[in-house]
C-alpha atoms as a PDB file:
ATOM      1  CA  MET A   1      -0.240  -0.024   0.280  1.00  0.00           C
ATOM      2  CA  SER A   2       2.916   2.475   0.920  1.00  0.00           C
ATOM      3  CA  ALA A   3       4.637   1.773  -2.419  1.00  0.00           C
ATOM      4  CA  ASN A   4       1.499   2.270  -4.468  1.00  0.00           C
ATOM      5  CA  ARG A   5       0.937   5.537  -2.509  1.00  0.00           C
ATOM      6  CA  ASP A   6       5.008   6.793  -2.921  1.00  0.00           C
ATOM      7  CA  LYS A   7       4.476   5.770  -6.906  1.00  0.00           C
ATOM      8  CA  ASP A   8       1.409   8.211  -7.524  1.00  0.00           C
ATOM      9  CA  ASP A   9       3.149  10.735  -5.309  1.00  0.00           C
ATOM     10  CA  GLN A  10       5.752  10.694  -7.877  1.00  0.00           C
ATOM     11  CA  VAL A  11       3.674  10.798 -10.490  1.00  0.00           C
ATOM     12  CA  HIS A  12       1.672  13.795  -9.721  1.00  0.00           C
ATOM     13  CA  GLN A  13       4.489  15.454  -8.595  1.00  0.00           C
ATOM     14  CA  GLU A  14       5.893  14.548 -12.042  1.00  0.00           C
ATOM     15  CA  LYS A  15       2.687  16.057 -13.507  1.00  0.00           C
ATOM     16  CA  GLU A  16       2.774  19.525 -11.541  1.00  0.00           C
ATOM     17  CA  GLN A  17       6.851  20.126 -12.521  1.00  0.00           C
ATOM     18  CA  PRO A  18       5.855  21.178 -15.811  1.00  0.00           C
ATOM     19  CA  ARG A  19       2.892  22.926 -14.863  1.00  0.00           C
ATOM     20  CA  ARG A  20       5.235  25.175 -12.229  1.00  0.00           C
ATOM     21  CA  ARG A  21       7.644  25.669 -14.833  1.00  0.00           C
ATOM     22  CA  GLN A  22       5.028  27.055 -17.046  1.00  0.00           C
ATOM     23  CA  ALA A  23       3.822  29.280 -14.522  1.00  0.00           C
ATOM     24  CA  ARG A  24       7.090  30.453 -14.361  1.00  0.00           C
ATOM     25  CA  GLY A  25       7.898  31.471 -17.432  1.00  0.00           C
ATOM     26  CA  GLU A  26       4.472  33.021 -17.949  1.00  0.00           C
ATOM     27  CA  ARG A  27       5.445  35.296 -15.300  1.00  0.00           C
ATOM     28  CA  ARG A  28       9.030  35.750 -16.573  1.00  0.00           C
ATOM     29  CA  ILE A  29       7.290  36.460 -19.853  1.00  0.00           C
ATOM     30  CA  ALA A  30       5.141  39.345 -18.065  1.00  0.00           C
ATOM     31  CA  GLN A  31       7.947  40.895 -16.363  1.00  0.00           C
ATOM     32  CA  LEU A  32       9.886  41.448 -19.342  1.00  0.00           C
ATOM     33  CA  LEU A  33       6.748  42.528 -21.438  1.00  0.00           C
ATOM     34  CA  GLU A  34       6.138  44.892 -18.775  1.00  0.00           C
ATOM     35  CA  ALA A  35       9.845  46.038 -19.001  1.00  0.00           C
ATOM     36  CA  ALA A  36       9.479  46.685 -22.827  1.00  0.00           C
ATOM     37  CA  ALA A  37       6.364  48.725 -22.374  1.00  0.00           C
ATOM     38  CA  THR A  38       8.364  50.994 -19.780  1.00  0.00           C
ATOM     39  CA  VAL A  39      11.570  51.012 -22.499  1.00  0.00           C
ATOM     40  CA  PHE A  40       9.238  51.661 -25.394  1.00  0.00           C
ATOM     41  CA  THR A  41       7.168  54.024 -24.140  1.00  0.00           C
ATOM     42  CA  THR A  42      10.459  56.235 -22.996  1.00  0.00           C
ATOM     43  CA  THR A  43      12.910  56.047 -25.762  1.00  0.00           C
ATOM     44  CA  GLY A  44      10.702  54.619 -28.469  1.00  0.00           C
ATOM     45  CA  TYR A  45      11.156  51.333 -30.093  1.00  0.00           C
ATOM     46  CA  THR A  46      14.017  52.474 -32.781  1.00  0.00           C
ATOM     47  CA  ALA A  47      16.143  53.608 -29.724  1.00  0.00           C
ATOM     48  CA  ALA A  48      15.346  50.546 -27.801  1.00  0.00           C
ATOM     49  CA  SER A  49      17.221  47.595 -26.835  1.00  0.00           C
ATOM     50  CA  THR A  50      17.129  43.723 -25.701  1.00  0.00           C
ATOM     51  CA  ASN A  51      19.995  45.398 -23.116  1.00  0.00           C
ATOM     52  CA  ALA A  52      17.755  47.717 -22.113  1.00  0.00           C
ATOM     53  CA  ILE A  53      14.752  45.530 -21.767  1.00  0.00           C
ATOM     54  CA  ALA A  54      16.753  43.021 -19.418  1.00  0.00           C
ATOM     55  CA  ARG A  55      17.964  45.940 -17.439  1.00  0.00           C
ATOM     56  CA  GLU A  56      14.710  47.102 -16.686  1.00  0.00           C
ATOM     57  CA  ALA A  57      13.028  43.849 -15.798  1.00  0.00           C
ATOM     58  CA  GLY A  58      15.763  43.281 -13.452  1.00  0.00           C
ATOM     59  CA  VAL A  59      17.488  40.210 -15.558  1.00  0.00           C
ATOM     60  CA  SER A  60      20.315  39.559 -17.202  1.00  0.00           C
ATOM     61  CA  PRO A  61      20.208  39.540 -21.493  1.00  0.00           C
ATOM     62  CA  GLY A  62      20.887  35.673 -21.592  1.00  0.00           C
ATOM     63  CA  THR A  63      17.808  35.616 -20.108  1.00  0.00           C
ATOM     64  CA  LEU A  64      15.582  37.361 -22.255  1.00  0.00           C
ATOM     65  CA  TYR A  65      16.786  35.590 -25.298  1.00  0.00           C
ATOM     66  CA  GLN A  66      15.518  32.509 -23.657  1.00  0.00           C
ATOM     67  CA  PHE A  67      11.973  33.997 -24.469  1.00  0.00           C
ATOM     68  CA  PHE A  68      12.638  35.915 -27.017  1.00  0.00           C
ATOM     69  CA  PRO A  69      14.965  35.753 -29.838  1.00  0.00           C
ATOM     70  CA  ASN A  70      15.034  39.787 -30.854  1.00  0.00           C
ATOM     71  CA  LYS A  71      13.383  42.826 -29.824  1.00  0.00           C
ATOM     72  CA  GLU A  72      10.953  42.866 -32.688  1.00  0.00           C
ATOM     73  CA  ALA A  73       9.819  39.836 -30.754  1.00  0.00           C
ATOM     74  CA  ILE A  74       9.111  41.399 -28.105  1.00  0.00           C
ATOM     75  CA  ALA A  75       7.373  44.155 -29.582  1.00  0.00           C
ATOM     76  CA  ILE A  76       4.863  41.584 -31.371  1.00  0.00           C
ATOM     77  CA  GLU A  77       4.073  39.963 -28.709  1.00  0.00           C
ATOM     78  CA  LEU A  78       3.333  43.176 -26.427  1.00  0.00           C
ATOM     79  CA  GLY A  79       1.379  44.465 -29.573  1.00  0.00           C
ATOM     80  CA  ASP A  80      -0.690  41.701 -30.116  1.00  0.00           C
ATOM     81  CA  ARG A  81      -1.545  41.608 -26.411  1.00  0.00           C
ATOM     82  CA  LEU A  82      -2.907  45.072 -26.237  1.00  0.00           C
ATOM     83  CA  ILE A  83      -4.241  45.003 -29.831  1.00  0.00           C
ATOM     84  CA  HIS A  84      -6.976  42.637 -28.073  1.00  0.00           C
ATOM     85  CA  GLU A  85      -7.341  44.368 -25.484  1.00  0.00           C
ATOM     86  CA  MET A  86      -8.353  47.336 -27.558  1.00  0.00           C
ATOM     87  CA  ARG A  87     -10.346  45.717 -29.668  1.00  0.00           C
ATOM     88  CA  GLU A  88     -12.276  44.221 -26.926  1.00  0.00           C
ATOM     89  CA  MET A  89     -12.665  47.511 -25.583  1.00  0.00           C
ATOM     90  CA  TYR A  90     -14.284  49.438 -28.938  1.00  0.00           C
ATOM     91  CA  GLY A  91     -16.401  46.816 -29.117  1.00  0.00           C
ATOM     92  CA  GLU A  92     -18.138  48.240 -25.721  1.00  0.00           C
ATOM     93  CA  ALA A  93     -17.370  51.410 -26.259  1.00  0.00           C
ATOM     94  CA  LEU A  94     -18.480  51.744 -29.978  1.00  0.00           C
ATOM     95  CA  ALA A  95     -21.294  49.307 -29.330  1.00  0.00           C
ATOM     96  CA  PRO A  96     -25.020  50.810 -30.703  1.00  0.00           C
ATOM     97  CA  VAL A  97     -26.514  53.079 -28.328  1.00  0.00           C
ATOM     98  CA  ASP A  98     -29.729  54.291 -27.825  1.00  0.00           C
ATOM     99  CA  PRO A  99     -31.078  57.204 -30.089  1.00  0.00           C
ATOM    100  CA  ALA A 100     -32.267  58.901 -26.788  1.00  0.00           C
ATOM    101  CA  THR A 101     -28.991  58.987 -25.784  1.00  0.00           C
ATOM    102  CA  PRO A 102     -27.292  62.915 -26.432  1.00  0.00           C
ATOM    103  CA  LEU A 103     -24.353  62.655 -29.110  1.00  0.00           C
ATOM    104  CA  GLU A 104     -22.407  64.553 -26.177  1.00  0.00           C
ATOM    105  CA  GLU A 105     -23.101  61.872 -23.596  1.00  0.00           C
ATOM    106  CA  ALA A 106     -22.094  58.781 -26.444  1.00  0.00           C
ATOM    107  CA  VAL A 107     -18.645  60.625 -27.318  1.00  0.00           C
ATOM    108  CA  ALA A 108     -17.729  61.393 -24.091  1.00  0.00           C
ATOM    109  CA  SER A 109     -17.981  57.752 -23.025  1.00  0.00           C
ATOM    110  CA  ALA A 110     -16.202  56.469 -26.299  1.00  0.00           C
ATOM    111  CA  VAL A 111     -13.507  58.920 -25.415  1.00  0.00           C
ATOM    112  CA  ASP A 112     -12.900  58.250 -21.186  1.00  0.00           C
ATOM    113  CA  ARG A 113     -12.428  54.739 -22.507  1.00  0.00           C
ATOM    114  CA  PHE A 114      -9.880  54.866 -24.973  1.00  0.00           C
ATOM    115  CA  ILE A 115      -8.170  58.054 -23.081  1.00  0.00           C
ATOM    116  CA  ALA A 116      -8.128  55.336 -20.151  1.00  0.00           C
ATOM    117  CA  PHE A 117      -6.554  52.587 -22.050  1.00  0.00           C
ATOM    118  CA  ASN A 118      -3.907  54.765 -23.654  1.00  0.00           C
ATOM    119  CA  CYS A 119      -3.167  56.291 -20.694  1.00  0.00           C
ATOM    120  CA  ALA A 120      -2.770  53.210 -18.968  1.00  0.00           C
ATOM    121  CA  HIS A 121      -0.882  51.398 -21.642  1.00  0.00           C
ATOM    122  CA  PRO A 122       1.514  54.349 -23.359  1.00  0.00           C
ATOM    123  CA  ALA A 123       3.374  52.017 -25.194  1.00  0.00           C
ATOM    124  CA  PHE A 124       0.665  51.136 -27.748  1.00  0.00           C
ATOM    125  CA  PHE A 125       0.189  54.705 -28.520  1.00  0.00           C
ATOM    126  CA  ALA A 126       4.178  54.713 -28.985  1.00  0.00           C
ATOM    127  CA  LEU A 127       4.154  51.692 -30.728  1.00  0.00           C
ATOM    128  CA  MET A 128       1.123  52.116 -32.880  1.00  0.00           C
ATOM    129  CA  HIS A 129       1.793  55.334 -34.174  1.00  0.00           C
ATOM    130  CA  GLY A 130       5.188  55.973 -33.927  1.00  0.00           C
ATOM    131  CA  PRO A 131       6.914  56.297 -37.071  1.00  0.00           C
ATOM    132  CA  ASP A 132       8.410  52.830 -37.275  1.00  0.00           C
ATOM    133  CA  ILE A 133       6.074  50.232 -36.194  1.00  0.00           C
ATOM    134  CA  PRO A 134       7.662  47.026 -36.354  1.00  0.00           C
ATOM    135  CA  GLY A 135       7.349  43.459 -38.326  1.00  0.00           C
ATOM    136  CA  ARG A 136       3.529  42.584 -38.945  1.00  0.00           C
ATOM    137  CA  MET A 137       1.968  45.110 -36.481  1.00  0.00           C
ATOM    138  CA  ALA A 138       1.837  47.321 -39.450  1.00  0.00           C
ATOM    139  CA  GLU A 139      -0.815  45.225 -40.412  1.00  0.00           C
ATOM    140  CA  GLU A 140      -2.715  44.883 -37.574  1.00  0.00           C
ATOM    141  CA  HIS A 141      -2.481  48.368 -37.192  1.00  0.00           C
ATOM    142  CA  ASP A 142      -4.297  48.849 -40.519  1.00  0.00           C
ATOM    143  CA  ALA A 143      -7.108  46.635 -39.723  1.00  0.00           C
ATOM    144  CA  LEU A 144      -7.425  47.730 -35.965  1.00  0.00           C
ATOM    145  CA  HIS A 145      -8.058  51.135 -37.825  1.00  0.00           C
ATOM    146  CA  ALA A 146     -10.408  50.007 -40.441  1.00  0.00           C
ATOM    147  CA  THR A 147     -12.467  48.562 -37.541  1.00  0.00           C
ATOM    148  CA  LEU A 148     -12.453  51.599 -35.700  1.00  0.00           C
ATOM    149  CA  LEU A 149     -13.238  53.547 -38.548  1.00  0.00           C
ATOM    150  CA  SER A 150     -16.043  51.438 -39.036  1.00  0.00           C
ATOM    151  CA  ARG A 151     -17.528  51.375 -34.800  1.00  0.00           C
ATOM    152  CA  ILE A 152     -17.163  55.271 -35.631  1.00  0.00           C
ATOM    153  CA  GLU A 153     -19.835  55.294 -38.630  1.00  0.00           C
ATOM    154  CA  GLY A 154     -21.817  53.358 -37.167  1.00  0.00           C
ATOM    155  CA  LEU A 155     -21.999  55.134 -33.944  1.00  0.00           C
ATOM    156  CA  LEU A 156     -22.363  58.223 -36.208  1.00  0.00           C
ATOM    157  CA  SER A 157     -25.421  56.846 -38.312  1.00  0.00           C
ATOM    158  CA  SER A 158     -27.059  55.778 -35.029  1.00  0.00           C
ATOM    159  CA  PHE A 159     -27.657  59.196 -34.590  1.00  0.00           C
ATOM    160  CA  LEU A 160     -27.705  60.929 -37.893  1.00  0.00           C
ATOM    161  CA  PRO A 161     -29.824  57.946 -39.951  1.00  0.00           C
ATOM    162  CA  ASP A 162     -30.483  60.424 -42.970  1.00  0.00           C
ATOM    163  CA  ALA A 163     -26.907  61.534 -43.514  1.00  0.00           C
ATOM    164  CA  ALA A 164     -25.373  60.110 -46.746  1.00  0.00           C
ATOM    165  CA  PRO A 165     -22.754  57.294 -46.669  1.00  0.00           C
ATOM    166  CA  ALA A 166     -20.244  59.495 -47.590  1.00  0.00           C
ATOM    167  CA  ASP A 167     -20.494  62.054 -45.511  1.00  0.00           C
ATOM    168  CA  LEU A 168     -20.803  59.288 -42.486  1.00  0.00           C
ATOM    169  CA  ALA A 169     -17.548  58.353 -43.608  1.00  0.00           C
ATOM    170  CA  ARG A 170     -15.575  61.050 -44.657  1.00  0.00           C
ATOM    171  CA  THR A 171     -16.843  62.771 -40.569  1.00  0.00           C
ATOM    172  CA  ALA A 172     -15.140  59.474 -39.144  1.00  0.00           C
ATOM    173  CA  HIS A 173     -12.195  59.345 -40.767  1.00  0.00           C
ATOM    174  CA  MET A 174     -11.754  63.265 -39.542  1.00  0.00           C
ATOM    175  CA  CYS A 175     -13.035  61.943 -36.021  1.00  0.00           C
ATOM    176  CA  LEU A 176     -10.191  59.480 -36.096  1.00  0.00           C
ATOM    177  CA  GLY A 177      -7.621  61.922 -37.686  1.00  0.00           C
ATOM    178  CA  LEU A 178      -9.381  64.522 -34.742  1.00  0.00           C
ATOM    179  CA  TYR A 179      -8.694  62.137 -31.771  1.00  0.00           C
ATOM    180  CA  LYS A 180      -5.462  60.771 -32.611  1.00  0.00           C
ATOM    181  CA  ALA A 181      -3.712  64.342 -32.664  1.00  0.00           C
ATOM    182  CA  GLY A 182      -6.366  65.050 -29.199  1.00  0.00           C
ATOM    183  CA  LEU A 183      -4.158  61.914 -27.754  1.00  0.00           C
ATOM    184  CA  GLU A 184      -1.011  62.728 -28.114  1.00  0.00           C
ATOM    185  CA  LEU A 185      -1.607  66.239 -26.044  1.00  0.00           C
ATOM    186  CA  VAL A 186      -3.204  64.778 -23.588  1.00  0.00           C
ATOM    187  CA  LEU A 187      -0.312  61.486 -23.348  1.00  0.00           C
ATOM    188  CA  ALA A 188       2.368  64.174 -23.427  1.00  0.00           C
ATOM    189  CA  HIS A 189       0.711  66.298 -19.979  1.00  0.00           C
ATOM    190  CA  GLU A 190      -0.406  65.044 -16.824  1.00  0.00           C
ATOM    191  CA  GLY A 191      -2.908  65.699 -13.750  1.00  0.00           C
ATOM    192  CA  ALA A 192      -5.092  69.135 -14.481  1.00  0.00           C
ATOM    193  CA  VAL A 193      -3.463  69.571 -17.611  1.00  0.00           C
ATOM    194  CA  ARG A 194      -3.642  66.449 -19.389  1.00  0.00           C
ATOM    195  CA  HIS A 195      -7.899  66.663 -17.903  1.00  0.00           C
ATOM    196  CA  SER A 196      -8.112  69.841 -19.398  1.00  0.00           C
ATOM    197  CA  HIS A 197      -6.921  68.452 -22.363  1.00  0.00           C
ATOM    198  CA  VAL A 198      -9.582  65.632 -22.323  1.00  0.00           C
ATOM    199  CA  LEU A 199     -11.818  68.165 -22.151  1.00  0.00           C
ATOM    200  CA  GLU A 200     -11.123  69.993 -25.185  1.00  0.00           C
ATOM    201  CA  LEU A 201     -10.929  66.818 -27.167  1.00  0.00           C
ATOM    202  CA  LYS A 202     -14.518  66.090 -26.099  1.00  0.00           C
ATOM    203  CA  PHE A 203     -15.898  69.104 -26.965  1.00  0.00           C
ATOM    204  CA  VAL A 204     -14.206  69.223 -30.644  1.00  0.00           C
ATOM    205  CA  LEU A 205     -14.880  65.637 -31.455  1.00  0.00           C
ATOM    206  CA  PHE A 206     -19.400  66.144 -29.813  1.00  0.00           C
ATOM    207  CA  ARG A 207     -19.333  69.378 -32.000  1.00  0.00           C
ATOM    208  CA  TYR A 208     -17.831  68.788 -35.231  1.00  0.00           C
ATOM    209  CA  PRO A 209     -20.871  66.059 -36.394  1.00  0.00           C
ATOM    210  CA  ASP A 210     -22.953  68.875 -35.931  1.00  0.00           C
ATOM    211  CA  ARG A 211     -22.274  69.773 -39.062  1.00  0.00           C
ATOM    212  CA  LEU A 212     -24.248  66.899 -40.536  1.00  0.00           C
ATOM    213  CA  VAL A 213     -27.281  68.465 -39.364  1.00  0.00           C
ATOM    214  CA  GLY A 214     -26.373  71.817 -40.842  1.00  0.00           C
ATOM    215  CA  ASP A 215     -26.402  73.449 -44.205  1.00  0.00           C
ATOM    216  CA  TRP A 216     -23.401  71.462 -45.422  1.00  0.00           C
ATOM    217  CA  VAL A 217     -25.020  68.075 -45.406  1.00  0.00           C
ATOM    218  CA  GLY A 218     -24.506  66.328 -48.866  1.00  0.00           C
ATOM    219  CA  GLY A 219     -21.202  68.758 -49.411  1.00  0.00           C
ATOM    220  CA  ALA A 220     -22.615  71.993 -49.294  1.00  0.00           C
ATOM    221  CA  GLU A 221     -19.900  74.845 -47.901  1.00  0.00           C
ATOM    222  CA  PRO A 222     -20.621  75.689 -44.600  1.00  0.00           C
ATOM    223  CA  VAL A 223     -21.778  79.093 -44.418  1.00  0.00           C
ATOM    224  CA  ALA A 224     -19.240  81.844 -42.784  1.00  0.00           C
ATOM    225  CA  HIS A 225     -20.716  83.617 -39.662  1.00  0.00           C
ATOM    226  CA  THR A 226     -18.951  87.027 -39.563  1.00  0.00           C
ATOM    227  CA  ALA A 227     -19.410  88.399 -35.941  1.00  0.00           C
ATOM    228  CA  THR A 228     -21.950  92.080 -35.596  1.00  0.00           C
END
């Protein structure tokens, strides 16, 4: 009986060892990705190095190379994880809304989610909006961009059901461009100054679509108003 128990214990330990190694490996990968996010945010992708990432993680370069062959592989893994999280957030932030919801409320809710994500993960902006997106991340970024445009068009159409598709598409592109420009300013500041930039960005984004219900729906030129 004792021999059988000892054998069962040995089998159990042999099964547990790979699980422990896998758990340790996952923790190490998470540690390296967190360090990489800090380095990419601070220096940008091009100037970052595996040595700097290893130093930030508190490990040797040799330990880093056990998990990632180079800097690009680290960036791709980090980018994949952030894109997955961002896609889930897009679905929540830009889901169809009740037509009774004021446009300002819908825009503010979406912007708050986007800003919160980017403030929590500044490496996302550093990787996705930098001049040197690594490897296949460029394709992932383009797909994400297309998804976001589609979501914005859907959000706008729920408030402006009579607007022409071309007007919605053009407005969605402009809204996204305005958001990206504003986001860069938001991330460059902190505290009260950051908050004031967020408020300005919201104001721009929820006032700009108003033109679709004004005098220049369908391409007519906007009416110039002069002070009297």
